[in-house]
Amino acid sequence: MNWLGMILIGLGLIYLLYSLLNKSKINYYFKGYIKRNEMKIIKPIEYFKLQLSFSIFNALVFIACGVLISIFAPNDIFFIVALVPFHFINLLLMIESKKRGYIDYKAYKTYKS
């Protein structure tokens, strides 16, 4: 068993519990993106449901990557590669929410101080 795979499995389980406990809270993963673009939630209940489903999928991806890394024990670089889908799935959440009309934001508004 590869200990890096066990870390990913643990992260997946912790993230699954976190997403289930905080299913009615907005989770910001791209804080700079959200501050820069002034995101507004139009339909919060639908957004929370979509966010929960993406969070569960994200946790399952973590667990699956951890199991694969534990079983096949590839190089340590695959541990870092397994973290990339987390951010990609969260970006897909923002895109899908915008497409369904759950959120609205103005892209790349510049602020003058």
C-alpha atoms as a PDB file:
ATOM      1  CA  MET A   1       0.000   0.000   0.000  1.00  0.00           C
ATOM      2  CA  ASN A   2       1.272   3.407  -0.950  1.00  0.00           C
ATOM      3  CA  TRP A   3       1.012   6.010   1.810  1.00  0.00           C
ATOM      4  CA  LEU A   4       0.351   8.809  -0.690  1.00  0.00           C
ATOM      5  CA  GLY A   5      -2.700   6.914  -1.894  1.00  0.00           C
ATOM      6  CA  MET A   6      -3.888   6.615   1.683  1.00  0.00           C
ATOM      7  CA  ILE A   7      -3.564  10.380   2.073  1.00  0.00           C
ATOM      8  CA  LEU A   8      -5.787  10.888  -0.972  1.00  0.00           C
ATOM      9  CA  ILE A   9      -8.359   8.416   0.359  1.00  0.00           C
ATOM     10  CA  GLY A  10      -8.355  10.252   3.693  1.00  0.00           C
ATOM     11  CA  LEU A  11      -8.709  13.619   1.950  1.00  0.00           C
ATOM     12  CA  GLY A  12     -11.607  12.245  -0.073  1.00  0.00           C
ATOM     13  CA  LEU A  13     -13.409  10.985   3.024  1.00  0.00           C
ATOM     14  CA  ILE A  14     -12.816  14.236   4.910  1.00  0.00           C
ATOM     15  CA  TYR A  15     -14.020  16.274   1.933  1.00  0.00           C
ATOM     16  CA  LEU A  16     -17.104  14.058   1.601  1.00  0.00           C
ATOM     17  CA  LEU A  17     -17.985  14.650   5.261  1.00  0.00           C
ATOM     18  CA  TYR A  18     -17.281  18.368   4.905  1.00  0.00           C
ATOM     19  CA  SER A  19     -19.500  18.673   1.848  1.00  0.00           C
ATOM     20  CA  LEU A  20     -22.354  16.782   3.516  1.00  0.00           C
ATOM     21  CA  LEU A  21     -22.143  18.827   6.723  1.00  0.00           C
ATOM     22  CA  ASN A  22     -21.913  22.161   4.890  1.00  0.00           C
ATOM     23  CA  LYS A  23     -24.375  21.494   2.098  1.00  0.00           C
ATOM     24  CA  SER A  24     -26.278  24.717   2.736  1.00  0.00           C
ATOM     25  CA  LYS A  25     -23.211  26.976   2.701  1.00  0.00           C
ATOM     26  CA  ILE A  26     -21.482  28.501  -0.271  1.00  0.00           C
ATOM     27  CA  ASN A  27     -18.007  27.062  -0.703  1.00  0.00           C
ATOM     28  CA  TYR A  28     -15.615  29.453  -2.401  1.00  0.00           C
ATOM     29  CA  TYR A  29     -12.669  27.729  -4.002  1.00  0.00           C
ATOM     30  CA  PHE A  30     -11.736  30.567  -6.314  1.00  0.00           C
ATOM     31  CA  LYS A  31     -11.905  33.479  -3.880  1.00  0.00           C
ATOM     32  CA  GLY A  32      -9.888  35.794  -6.106  1.00  0.00           C
ATOM     33  CA  TYR A  33     -12.058  34.931  -9.080  1.00  0.00           C
ATOM     34  CA  ILE A  34     -15.251  35.571  -7.143  1.00  0.00           C
ATOM     35  CA  LYS A  35     -14.051  38.860  -5.676  1.00  0.00           C
ATOM     36  CA  ARG A  36     -12.832  40.054  -9.052  1.00  0.00           C
ATOM     37  CA  ASN A  37     -16.035  39.134 -10.881  1.00  0.00           C
ATOM     38  CA  GLU A  38     -18.709  40.071  -8.310  1.00  0.00           C
ATOM     39  CA  MET A  39     -20.602  36.773  -8.253  1.00  0.00           C
ATOM     40  CA  LYS A  40     -24.261  36.920  -7.227  1.00  0.00           C
ATOM     41  CA  ILE A  41     -26.346  33.853  -6.446  1.00  0.00           C
ATOM     42  CA  ILE A  42     -29.760  34.121  -8.078  1.00  0.00           C
ATOM     43  CA  LYS A  43     -31.249  30.722  -7.142  1.00  0.00           C
ATOM     44  CA  PRO A  44     -29.551  29.592  -3.900  1.00  0.00           C
ATOM     45  CA  ILE A  45     -31.437  26.320  -3.326  1.00  0.00           C
ATOM     46  CA  GLU A  46     -30.693  25.008  -6.813  1.00  0.00           C
ATOM     47  CA  TYR A  47     -27.097  26.214  -6.527  1.00  0.00           C
ATOM     48  CA  PHE A  48     -26.662  24.362  -3.217  1.00  0.00           C
ATOM     49  CA  LYS A  49     -27.995  21.143  -4.765  1.00  0.00           C
ATOM     50  CA  LEU A  50     -25.646  21.460  -7.723  1.00  0.00           C
ATOM     51  CA  GLN A  51     -22.735  22.327  -5.437  1.00  0.00           C
ATOM     52  CA  LEU A  52     -23.454  19.270  -3.278  1.00  0.00           C
ATOM     53  CA  SER A  53     -23.515  16.938  -6.273  1.00  0.00           C
ATOM     54  CA  PHE A  54     -20.235  18.362  -7.583  1.00  0.00           C
ATOM     55  CA  SER A  55     -18.694  18.072  -4.096  1.00  0.00           C
ATOM     56  CA  ILE A  56     -19.709  14.418  -3.798  1.00  0.00           C
ATOM     57  CA  PHE A  57     -18.285  13.751  -7.257  1.00  0.00           C
ATOM     58  CA  ASN A  58     -15.089  15.546  -6.241  1.00  0.00           C
ATOM     59  CA  ALA A  59     -14.755  13.392  -3.113  1.00  0.00           C
ATOM     60  CA  LEU A  60     -15.318  10.221  -5.139  1.00  0.00           C
ATOM     61  CA  VAL A  61     -12.599  11.289  -7.581  1.00  0.00           C
ATOM     62  CA  PHE A  62     -10.220  11.793  -4.636  1.00  0.00           C
ATOM     63  CA  ILE A  63     -11.047   8.343  -3.252  1.00  0.00           C
ATOM     64  CA  ALA A  64     -10.759   6.657  -6.667  1.00  0.00           C
ATOM     65  CA  CYS A  65      -7.375   8.283  -7.334  1.00  0.00           C
ATOM     66  CA  GLY A  66      -6.204   7.240  -3.873  1.00  0.00           C
ATOM     67  CA  VAL A  67      -7.259   3.633  -4.453  1.00  0.00           C
ATOM     68  CA  LEU A  68      -5.549   3.539  -7.851  1.00  0.00           C
ATOM     69  CA  ILE A  69      -2.357   5.047  -6.451  1.00  0.00           C
ATOM     70  CA  SER A  70      -2.427   2.607  -3.508  1.00  0.00           C
ATOM     71  CA  ILE A  71      -2.935  -0.456  -5.694  1.00  0.00           C
ATOM     72  CA  PHE A  72      -0.617   0.290  -8.585  1.00  0.00           C
ATOM     73  CA  ALA A  73       1.934   2.394  -6.635  1.00  0.00           C
ATOM     74  CA  PRO A  74       3.189   4.570  -9.500  1.00  0.00           C
ATOM     75  CA  ASN A  75       5.648   7.398  -9.050  1.00  0.00           C
ATOM     76  CA  ASP A  76       5.035  10.101  -6.469  1.00  0.00           C
ATOM     77  CA  ILE A  77       4.194  12.607  -9.221  1.00  0.00           C
ATOM     78  CA  PHE A  78       0.774  10.979  -9.654  1.00  0.00           C
ATOM     79  CA  PHE A  79      -0.152  12.275  -6.198  1.00  0.00           C
ATOM     80  CA  ILE A  80       0.154  15.825  -7.512  1.00  0.00           C
ATOM     81  CA  VAL A  81      -1.616  14.922 -10.755  1.00  0.00           C
ATOM     82  CA  ALA A  82      -4.524  13.532  -8.707  1.00  0.00           C
ATOM     83  CA  LEU A  83      -5.062  16.977  -7.142  1.00  0.00           C
ATOM     84  CA  VAL A  84      -5.611  18.677 -10.520  1.00  0.00           C
ATOM     85  CA  PRO A  85      -9.174  17.341 -11.109  1.00  0.00           C
ATOM     86  CA  PHE A  86     -10.310  18.954  -7.828  1.00  0.00           C
ATOM     87  CA  HIS A  87      -9.827  22.457  -9.191  1.00  0.00           C
ATOM     88  CA  PHE A  88     -11.092  21.514 -12.638  1.00  0.00           C
ATOM     89  CA  ILE A  89     -14.347  20.117 -11.199  1.00  0.00           C
ATOM     90  CA  ASN A  90     -14.834  23.282  -9.132  1.00  0.00           C
ATOM     91  CA  LEU A  91     -14.334  25.374 -12.264  1.00  0.00           C
ATOM     92  CA  LEU A  92     -16.933  23.213 -14.012  1.00  0.00           C
ATOM     93  CA  LEU A  93     -19.307  23.960 -11.121  1.00  0.00           C
ATOM     94  CA  MET A  94     -18.974  27.687 -11.787  1.00  0.00           C
ATOM     95  CA  ILE A  95     -19.497  27.229 -15.524  1.00  0.00           C
ATOM     96  CA  GLU A  96     -22.499  24.922 -15.094  1.00  0.00           C
ATOM     97  CA  SER A  97     -24.071  27.241 -12.499  1.00  0.00           C
ATOM     98  CA  LYS A  98     -23.717  30.175 -14.863  1.00  0.00           C
ATOM     99  CA  LYS A  99     -25.165  28.156 -17.745  1.00  0.00           C
ATOM    100  CA  ARG A 100     -28.212  27.083 -15.722  1.00  0.00           C
ATOM    101  CA  GLY A 101     -28.789  30.604 -14.424  1.00  0.00           C
ATOM    102  CA  TYR A 102     -28.120  29.885 -10.748  1.00  0.00           C
ATOM    103  CA  ILE A 103     -25.404  32.527 -10.481  1.00  0.00           C
ATOM    104  CA  ASP A 104     -24.535  35.704 -12.300  1.00  0.00           C
ATOM    105  CA  TYR A 105     -21.266  37.551 -12.480  1.00  0.00           C
ATOM    106  CA  LYS A 106     -19.622  40.277 -14.470  1.00  0.00           C
ATOM    107  CA  ALA A 107     -16.438  38.982 -16.003  1.00  0.00           C
ATOM    108  CA  TYR A 108     -13.164  40.753 -15.246  1.00  0.00           C
ATOM    109  CA  LYS A 109     -14.376  44.040 -13.877  1.00  0.00           C
ATOM    110  CA  THR A 110     -11.447  46.224 -12.947  1.00  0.00           C
ATOM    111  CA  TYR A 111     -11.445  48.246  -9.771  1.00  0.00           C
ATOM    112  CA  LYS A 112      -9.822  51.624  -9.296  1.00  0.00           C
ATOM    113  CA  SER A 113      -8.613  52.547  -5.835  1.00  0.00           C
END
